Amino acid sequence: MNTPKRAPLPVRGRIPVYQPDLTGNERRYVLECIDSSWISSLGTFIGRFEAAVAETTGARQGIAVCNGTVALHLALHCLDIGPGDEVIVPTFTYISSVNTIVQTGATPVFADSLASDWLLDPADVERRITPRTKAILPVHLYGAACDMRAIMAIAQHHQLKVVEDCAEALGTHINGQHVGTFGDIGTFSFFGNKTVTTGEGGMVIANDETLAARLRMTKGQGQSLTRRYWHEILGFNYRMTNIAAAIGLGQIEKLDAVLARKRAIAELYRRLTKHLPVTFQVSDPDVTSSNWLVSLLLPPGTDRERLMQAMSDQEIDTRPVFYCASTMPMYASQERFPVAENIAARGLSLPSYPLLSDEDVTRVVDALVKGLQAQGLAGSAG
């Protein structure tokens, strides 16, 4: 699924945090949809894209949905998570991981992160299990991978379900096994800033054929898979369009080349910043990251907003990492999560898309150095 290699051209003007590479078969496939008139939730590209994601991840079944958030809700719903249940989730995550738990009627129970890889702390998960705990929702953030061996051991010991949120981790492996295939269900996002995009889109993967059939039926209004307009269970309209799947198929055909370029970009960032007082995620040696967004922790005491504005003035876009869900108004908690809160306060995401040239990365780092120097926090990039 590789495409011919070409050297990225330097960006003139503002460098965004992310933009998709749409230089493959995306346009041709979309025009095929339009020419055939199959533009809605039926059409050949849906099955082809589902099969491609299943093959890429090593899952038996892939079920396409309209975005990554409904992928999570569908997964939780089909595992019978509901009122009275508790689901353990990291507080340091994108908010959809938490919102979808609440949408089932269940209660999110927040856990802290590990300082090394910024991901769910298995020991804290263990401490938070109660008789009401029904599931664990580990989130593989920024392309890194949670300690799934430890999490699955806890889940099996306590007979808990596991939904892996892989929205940012397509292409991430642990000892050669793709994330999303350790738990009961894995979920993916194909939003415009993801490694593979469909504009808006998502996918659930599962190895259990019975569960996969339920996921497929439920996402289509609960309609029988063999009898049209016969609705056997409560369902939702979570279907992906054929046009979105066509874009996704064109995207995933380039996945190997995209991952290779993103890996090179991440390595270049680390090399160019090795003399700066910044800290990156540190994954276990058995993890191969997709390097979705290159993110780092700024030195303690950095005024992050001031730094981001200084980089913006040099036409470099950046993003803060996620705020802890436990600090949001609707989930506000008096409990403190020291590791997660430290990451949330100091984290910064840099431009990370595959069409960045080496010159672009150097330009980003130069802007970062100048911003830190203005606050008396850095010498040079070395």
Protein backbone atom coordinates (compact mmCIF):
# COMPACT_ATOMS: atom_id res chain seq x y z
CA MET A 1 0.00 0.00 0.00
CA ASN A 2 3.00 2.32 -0.48
CA THR A 3 3.02 5.22 -2.89
CA PRO A 4 6.13 6.52 -4.66
CA LYS A 5 8.28 8.57 -2.32
CA ARG A 6 8.64 12.28 -2.98
CA ALA A 7 10.43 14.93 -1.01
CA PRO A 8 7.98 17.26 0.77
CA LEU A 9 8.25 20.87 -0.33
CA PRO A 10 8.78 23.55 2.34
CA VAL A 11 5.62 25.37 3.39
CA ARG A 12 5.52 29.04 2.46
CA GLY A 13 3.62 31.11 4.97
CA ARG A 14 1.81 29.73 8.01
CA ILE A 15 2.51 26.13 9.06
CA PRO A 16 -0.65 24.52 10.52
CA VAL A 17 -0.62 21.84 13.21
CA TYR A 18 -2.11 19.37 10.75
CA GLN A 19 -3.42 19.04 7.23
CA PRO A 20 -4.33 15.86 5.33
CA ASP A 21 -2.39 14.46 2.41
CA LEU A 22 -5.01 13.97 -0.32
CA THR A 23 -2.61 13.23 -3.16
CA GLY A 24 -3.56 9.57 -3.70
CA ASN A 25 -6.70 8.00 -5.13
CA GLU A 26 -9.11 10.02 -2.95
CA ARG A 27 -10.36 12.28 -5.77
CA ARG A 28 -10.76 9.39 -8.23
CA TYR A 29 -12.71 7.29 -5.76
CA VAL A 30 -15.02 10.18 -4.80
CA LEU A 31 -15.77 10.83 -8.47
CA GLU A 32 -16.62 7.14 -8.86
CA CYS A 33 -19.21 7.57 -6.09
CA ILE A 34 -20.69 10.63 -7.77
CA ASP A 35 -20.72 9.03 -11.21
CA SER A 36 -22.44 5.93 -9.83
CA SER A 37 -24.87 8.01 -7.71
CA TRP A 38 -23.98 5.89 -4.62
CA ILE A 39 -23.17 8.75 -2.28
CA SER A 40 -25.05 7.85 0.92
CA SER A 41 -24.64 4.94 3.36
CA LEU A 42 -24.76 2.20 0.72
CA GLY A 43 -22.03 1.53 -1.82
CA THR A 44 -18.98 -0.60 -2.48
CA PHE A 45 -16.44 1.70 -0.85
CA ILE A 46 -17.88 1.15 2.61
CA GLY A 47 -17.15 -2.57 2.57
CA ARG A 48 -13.76 -2.02 0.94
CA PHE A 49 -12.73 0.53 3.57
CA GLU A 50 -13.96 -1.69 6.41
CA ALA A 51 -11.95 -4.60 5.00
CA ALA A 52 -8.85 -2.41 4.65
CA VAL A 53 -9.03 -1.25 8.28
CA ALA A 54 -9.63 -4.82 9.47
CA GLU A 55 -6.61 -6.01 7.50
CA THR A 56 -4.44 -3.15 8.76
CA THR A 57 -5.30 -3.80 12.40
CA GLY A 58 -5.52 -7.58 12.23
CA ALA A 59 -9.12 -7.55 13.46
CA ARG A 60 -11.74 -9.95 12.13
CA GLN A 61 -14.36 -7.25 11.65
CA GLY A 62 -14.38 -3.53 10.95
CA ILE A 63 -17.65 -1.59 11.13
CA ALA A 64 -17.62 1.93 9.68
CA VAL A 65 -19.48 4.74 11.46
CA CYS A 66 -19.90 8.47 10.96
CA ASN A 67 -17.33 9.69 13.52
CA GLY A 68 -15.05 8.56 16.30
CA THR A 69 -17.34 9.72 19.11
CA VAL A 70 -20.26 7.57 18.02
CA ALA A 71 -17.79 4.69 17.61
CA LEU A 72 -17.16 4.91 21.35
CA HIS A 73 -20.84 5.22 22.21
CA LEU A 74 -21.73 2.29 19.97
CA ALA A 75 -19.03 0.16 21.61
CA LEU A 76 -20.18 0.93 25.14
CA HIS A 77 -23.86 0.48 24.26
CA CYS A 78 -23.26 -2.91 22.63
CA LEU A 79 -21.33 -4.08 25.68
CA ASP A 80 -24.44 -3.30 27.74
CA ILE A 81 -22.87 -0.45 29.69
CA GLY A 82 -25.63 1.60 31.27
CA PRO A 83 -27.17 3.20 34.37
CA GLY A 84 -25.60 2.02 37.62
CA ASP A 85 -22.34 1.01 35.94
CA GLU A 86 -18.95 2.64 36.36
CA VAL A 87 -16.32 2.91 33.62
CA ILE A 88 -12.72 3.78 34.51
CA VAL A 89 -11.21 6.31 32.10
CA PRO A 90 -8.14 8.55 32.22
CA THR A 91 -8.86 12.13 33.21
CA PHE A 92 -6.19 13.21 30.71
CA THR A 93 -8.02 12.51 27.46
CA TYR A 94 -10.12 14.15 24.78
CA ILE A 95 -13.58 14.79 26.18
CA SER A 96 -15.45 12.33 23.91
CA SER A 97 -13.93 9.43 25.86
CA VAL A 98 -15.84 10.68 28.89
CA ASN A 99 -18.99 12.10 27.25
CA THR A 100 -19.86 8.79 25.64
CA ILE A 101 -19.77 7.01 29.00
CA VAL A 102 -22.26 9.52 30.37
CA GLN A 103 -24.43 9.17 27.26
CA THR A 104 -25.01 5.51 28.17
CA GLY A 105 -26.16 6.51 31.65
CA ALA A 106 -23.02 5.10 33.25
CA THR A 107 -20.62 7.01 35.52
CA PRO A 108 -17.05 7.86 34.47
CA VAL A 109 -14.46 7.17 37.15
CA PHE A 110 -11.29 9.16 36.51
CA ALA A 111 -7.80 7.73 36.88
CA ASP A 112 -4.37 9.33 36.75
CA SER A 113 -1.70 8.96 34.08
CA LEU A 114 1.85 7.65 34.01
CA ALA A 115 4.55 10.32 33.91
CA SER A 116 6.50 8.43 31.24
CA ASP A 117 4.01 7.91 28.41
CA TRP A 118 1.18 10.19 29.70
CA LEU A 119 -1.31 7.31 29.45
CA LEU A 120 -3.65 5.48 31.82
CA ASP A 121 -1.90 4.27 34.99
CA PRO A 122 -2.82 0.57 35.52
CA ALA A 123 -2.04 0.75 39.24
CA ASP A 124 -4.49 3.62 39.66
CA VAL A 125 -7.09 1.67 37.66
CA GLU A 126 -6.76 -1.20 40.12
CA ARG A 127 -7.29 1.13 43.08
CA ARG A 128 -10.52 2.51 41.62
CA ILE A 129 -12.38 -0.74 40.96
CA THR A 130 -15.63 -1.13 42.90
CA PRO A 131 -18.52 -3.62 42.70
CA ARG A 132 -20.13 -1.23 40.19
CA THR A 133 -17.17 -1.18 37.80
CA LYS A 134 -18.22 -2.64 34.46
CA ALA A 135 -15.46 -1.60 32.06
CA ILE A 136 -12.10 0.09 31.50
CA LEU A 137 -11.62 2.61 28.69
CA PRO A 138 -7.88 3.05 27.99
CA VAL A 139 -7.02 5.85 25.56
CA HIS A 140 -3.96 5.60 23.29
CA LEU A 141 -3.05 9.29 23.10
CA TYR A 142 -0.85 10.99 20.48
CA GLY A 143 0.06 7.68 18.85
CA ALA A 144 1.47 6.07 22.00
CA ALA A 145 0.04 2.84 23.47
CA CYS A 146 -1.26 2.07 26.95
CA ASP A 147 0.17 -0.84 28.92
CA MET A 148 -2.42 -3.27 27.57
CA ARG A 149 -0.82 -6.33 29.14
CA ALA A 150 -1.33 -4.88 32.62
CA ILE A 151 -4.77 -3.47 31.80
CA MET A 152 -6.02 -6.74 30.32
CA ALA A 153 -4.72 -8.68 33.34
CA ILE A 154 -6.74 -6.37 35.62
CA ALA A 155 -9.81 -6.66 33.40
CA GLN A 156 -9.66 -10.45 33.27
CA HIS A 157 -9.13 -10.74 37.03
CA HIS A 158 -12.19 -8.56 37.73
CA GLN A 159 -14.23 -9.74 34.71
CA LEU A 160 -14.43 -6.28 33.18
CA LYS A 161 -15.03 -5.22 29.59
CA VAL A 162 -12.36 -3.20 27.77
CA VAL A 163 -12.97 -0.61 25.05
CA GLU A 164 -9.75 0.77 23.54
CA ASP A 165 -9.98 4.35 22.30
CA CYS A 166 -7.56 4.32 19.35
CA ALA A 167 -8.71 7.60 17.79
CA GLU A 168 -5.12 8.81 17.60
CA ALA A 169 -3.36 5.48 17.19
CA LEU A 170 -3.96 3.95 13.77
CA GLY A 171 -0.63 2.32 12.98
CA THR A 172 0.42 1.84 16.62
CA HIS A 173 1.54 -1.64 17.72
CA ILE A 174 2.59 -3.41 20.90
CA ASN A 175 4.97 -6.27 20.16
CA GLY A 176 3.60 -6.30 16.61
CA GLN A 177 -0.06 -6.44 17.68
CA HIS A 178 -2.16 -3.45 16.64
CA VAL A 179 -3.87 -1.47 19.39
CA GLY A 180 -7.61 -1.98 19.46
CA THR A 181 -7.29 -5.76 19.25
CA PHE A 182 -6.43 -6.40 22.91
CA GLY A 183 -9.80 -5.48 24.42
CA ASP A 184 -13.36 -6.40 23.48
CA ILE A 185 -13.70 -3.50 21.01
CA GLY A 186 -11.35 -0.91 19.51
CA THR A 187 -12.53 2.43 18.16
CA PHE A 188 -10.95 4.82 15.65
CA SER A 189 -11.50 8.36 14.44
CA PHE A 190 -10.98 9.58 10.88
CA PHE A 191 -11.43 13.29 11.57
CA GLY A 192 -9.56 15.70 9.28
CA ASN A 193 -6.44 15.79 11.47
CA LYS A 194 -6.03 12.01 11.85
CA THR A 195 -3.37 9.82 10.19
CA VAL A 196 -6.15 8.48 7.94
CA THR A 197 -9.06 10.86 7.39
CA THR A 198 -12.49 10.70 5.83
CA GLY A 199 -13.30 14.29 6.83
CA GLU A 200 -15.56 12.98 9.58
CA GLY A 201 -15.69 9.26 10.23
CA GLY A 202 -14.96 6.42 12.59
CA MET A 203 -14.62 2.67 12.89
CA VAL A 204 -15.16 -0.02 15.49
CA ILE A 205 -13.21 -3.27 15.29
CA ALA A 206 -13.93 -6.55 17.02
CA ASN A 207 -12.86 -10.18 16.85
CA ASP A 208 -16.02 -11.66 18.34
CA GLU A 209 -18.33 -12.32 15.38
CA THR A 210 -21.53 -12.17 17.45
CA LEU A 211 -20.52 -8.84 18.97
CA ALA A 212 -19.52 -7.53 15.54
CA ALA A 213 -22.94 -8.44 14.13
CA ARG A 214 -24.62 -6.56 16.99
CA LEU A 215 -22.42 -3.52 16.37
CA ARG A 216 -23.28 -3.59 12.67
CA MET A 217 -27.02 -3.93 13.30
CA THR A 218 -27.12 -1.27 16.00
CA LYS A 219 -25.31 1.37 13.92
CA GLY A 220 -28.01 0.98 11.25
CA GLN A 221 -31.13 1.72 13.34
CA GLY A 222 -31.24 -1.84 14.65
CA GLN A 223 -32.39 -3.13 11.28
CA SER A 224 -32.03 -6.84 10.59
CA LEU A 225 -28.94 -7.63 8.55
CA THR A 226 -31.04 -9.90 6.31
CA ARG A 227 -34.56 -8.38 6.34
CA ARG A 228 -35.05 -4.79 5.22
CA TYR A 229 -37.18 -2.51 7.44
CA TRP A 230 -37.37 -5.18 10.15
CA HIS A 231 -35.85 -3.62 13.27
CA GLU A 232 -34.91 -6.16 15.91
CA ILE A 233 -33.14 -4.02 18.54
CA LEU A 234 -32.75 -0.40 19.62
CA GLY A 235 -30.38 1.22 17.16
CA PHE A 236 -28.90 4.49 15.98
CA ASN A 237 -28.11 6.13 12.67
CA TYR A 238 -24.32 5.98 12.96
CA ARG A 239 -23.62 5.00 9.34
CA MET A 240 -20.71 6.25 7.25
CA THR A 241 -21.35 7.54 3.74
CA ASN A 242 -19.91 5.88 0.65
CA ILE A 243 -18.12 9.15 -0.21
CA ALA A 244 -16.41 9.26 3.19
CA ALA A 245 -15.37 5.61 2.83
CA ALA A 246 -13.99 6.35 -0.65
CA ILE A 247 -11.76 9.06 0.81
CA GLY A 248 -10.73 6.69 3.60
CA LEU A 249 -9.78 3.95 1.16
CA GLY A 250 -7.61 6.36 -0.81
CA GLN A 251 -6.01 7.41 2.46
CA ILE A 252 -5.29 3.98 3.88
CA GLU A 253 -3.63 2.89 0.63
CA LYS A 254 -0.86 5.37 1.54
CA LEU A 255 -0.67 4.42 5.22
CA ASP A 256 2.78 2.78 5.22
CA ALA A 257 4.38 5.77 3.51
CA VAL A 258 2.56 8.24 5.77
CA LEU A 259 3.65 6.42 8.93
CA ALA A 260 7.24 6.30 7.73
CA ARG A 261 7.27 10.05 7.09
CA LYS A 262 5.61 10.83 10.43
CA ARG A 263 8.20 8.66 12.17
CA ALA A 264 10.99 10.60 10.46
CA ILE A 265 9.39 13.91 11.46
CA ALA A 266 9.13 12.82 15.10
CA GLU A 267 12.76 11.69 15.15
CA LEU A 268 13.88 14.99 13.62
CA TYR A 269 11.97 16.98 16.25
CA ARG A 270 13.63 14.99 19.03
CA ARG A 271 17.08 15.45 17.53
CA LEU A 272 16.69 19.18 16.95
CA THR A 273 15.37 19.77 20.48
CA LYS A 274 17.74 17.49 22.40
CA HIS A 275 19.47 20.45 24.06
CA LEU A 276 16.21 22.15 25.03
CA PRO A 277 14.61 21.68 28.47
CA VAL A 278 11.58 19.88 27.01
CA THR A 279 10.28 16.34 27.61
CA PHE A 280 8.62 13.94 25.16
CA GLN A 281 6.39 10.92 25.72
CA VAL A 282 8.50 7.86 26.51
CA SER A 283 6.90 4.60 25.35
CA ASP A 284 7.92 1.11 26.39
CA PRO A 285 10.45 -0.50 24.01
CA ASP A 286 7.80 -2.90 22.69
CA VAL A 287 5.60 -0.02 21.44
CA THR A 288 5.76 1.21 17.85
CA SER A 289 4.05 4.61 17.83
CA SER A 290 2.12 6.07 14.92
CA ASN A 291 3.52 9.47 16.01
CA TRP A 292 0.13 11.07 15.37
CA LEU A 293 0.99 14.45 16.92
CA VAL A 294 4.47 15.29 18.15
CA SER A 295 3.78 16.65 21.60
CA LEU A 296 6.12 17.68 24.40
CA LEU A 297 6.17 19.09 27.91
CA LEU A 298 7.48 22.62 28.24
CA PRO A 299 9.83 23.51 31.12
CA PRO A 300 8.13 24.17 34.47
CA GLY A 301 7.26 27.83 34.74
CA THR A 302 6.70 28.38 31.02
CA ASP A 303 3.88 30.74 30.12
CA ARG A 304 2.39 28.43 27.49
CA GLU A 305 -0.08 30.94 26.08
CA ARG A 306 2.67 33.52 25.65
CA LEU A 307 4.89 30.94 23.94
CA MET A 308 2.11 29.84 21.59
CA GLN A 309 1.42 33.46 20.67
CA ALA A 310 5.13 34.05 20.00
CA MET A 311 5.21 31.03 17.69
CA SER A 312 1.99 32.16 16.01
CA ASP A 313 3.61 35.54 15.36
CA GLN A 314 6.24 33.56 13.43
CA GLU A 315 3.43 31.83 11.49
CA ILE A 316 3.70 28.52 13.37
CA ASP A 317 0.46 27.03 14.69
CA THR A 318 0.56 24.95 17.87
CA ARG A 319 -2.01 23.42 20.21
CA PRO A 320 -2.14 22.83 23.94
CA VAL A 321 -2.62 19.19 24.91
CA PHE A 322 -5.98 18.19 26.37
CA TYR A 323 -7.25 19.61 29.65
CA CYS A 324 -8.12 17.03 32.29
CA ALA A 325 -11.79 16.03 32.08
CA SER A 326 -12.01 16.22 35.87
CA THR A 327 -11.47 20.00 35.60
CA MET A 328 -14.34 20.56 33.16
CA PRO A 329 -17.44 22.28 34.61
CA MET A 330 -19.77 19.31 34.06
CA TYR A 331 -17.30 16.80 35.54
CA ALA A 332 -15.54 19.02 38.09
CA SER A 333 -13.95 16.99 40.86
CA GLN A 334 -12.27 17.98 44.10
CA GLU A 335 -9.89 15.06 43.66
CA ARG A 336 -6.44 15.88 42.34
CA PHE A 337 -4.64 13.92 39.64
CA PRO A 338 -1.09 15.26 39.95
CA VAL A 339 0.57 13.54 37.01
CA ALA A 340 -2.26 14.18 34.56
CA GLU A 341 -2.69 17.78 35.68
CA ASN A 342 1.02 18.46 35.25
CA ILE A 343 0.95 17.07 31.70
CA ALA A 344 -2.19 19.05 30.86
CA ALA A 345 -0.65 22.28 32.13
CA ARG A 346 2.69 21.95 30.30
CA GLY A 347 1.91 19.98 27.13
CA LEU A 348 2.23 21.44 23.63
CA SER A 349 1.55 19.82 20.24
CA LEU A 350 3.64 20.81 17.23
CA PRO A 351 2.92 20.62 13.47
CA SER A 352 3.05 16.91 12.62
CA TYR A 353 1.50 16.24 9.22
CA PRO A 354 3.31 14.06 6.67
CA LEU A 355 3.77 16.75 4.01
CA LEU A 356 6.07 18.74 6.32
CA SER A 357 9.57 19.06 4.94
CA ASP A 358 12.70 18.86 7.07
CA GLU A 359 13.08 22.60 6.50
CA ASP A 360 9.58 23.13 7.93
CA VAL A 361 10.43 21.15 11.05
CA THR A 362 13.61 23.19 11.49
CA ARG A 363 11.53 26.37 11.16
CA VAL A 364 9.12 25.15 13.85
CA VAL A 365 11.97 24.33 16.23
CA ASP A 366 13.62 27.70 15.59
CA ALA A 367 10.35 29.41 16.56
CA LEU A 368 10.11 27.23 19.68
CA VAL A 369 13.66 28.15 20.68
CA LYS A 370 12.99 31.87 20.24
CA GLY A 371 9.80 31.62 22.26
CA LEU A 372 11.58 29.85 25.13
CA GLN A 373 14.52 32.25 24.96
CA ALA A 374 12.13 35.18 25.32
CA GLN A 375 11.13 33.69 28.66
CA GLY A 376 14.69 32.94 29.70
CA LEU A 377 14.14 29.19 29.43
CA ALA A 378 16.51 28.10 26.64
CA GLY A 379 19.87 28.70 25.06
CA SER A 380 19.82 27.21 21.55
CA ALA A 381 18.54 24.12 19.79
CA GLY A 382 22.07 22.76 19.46
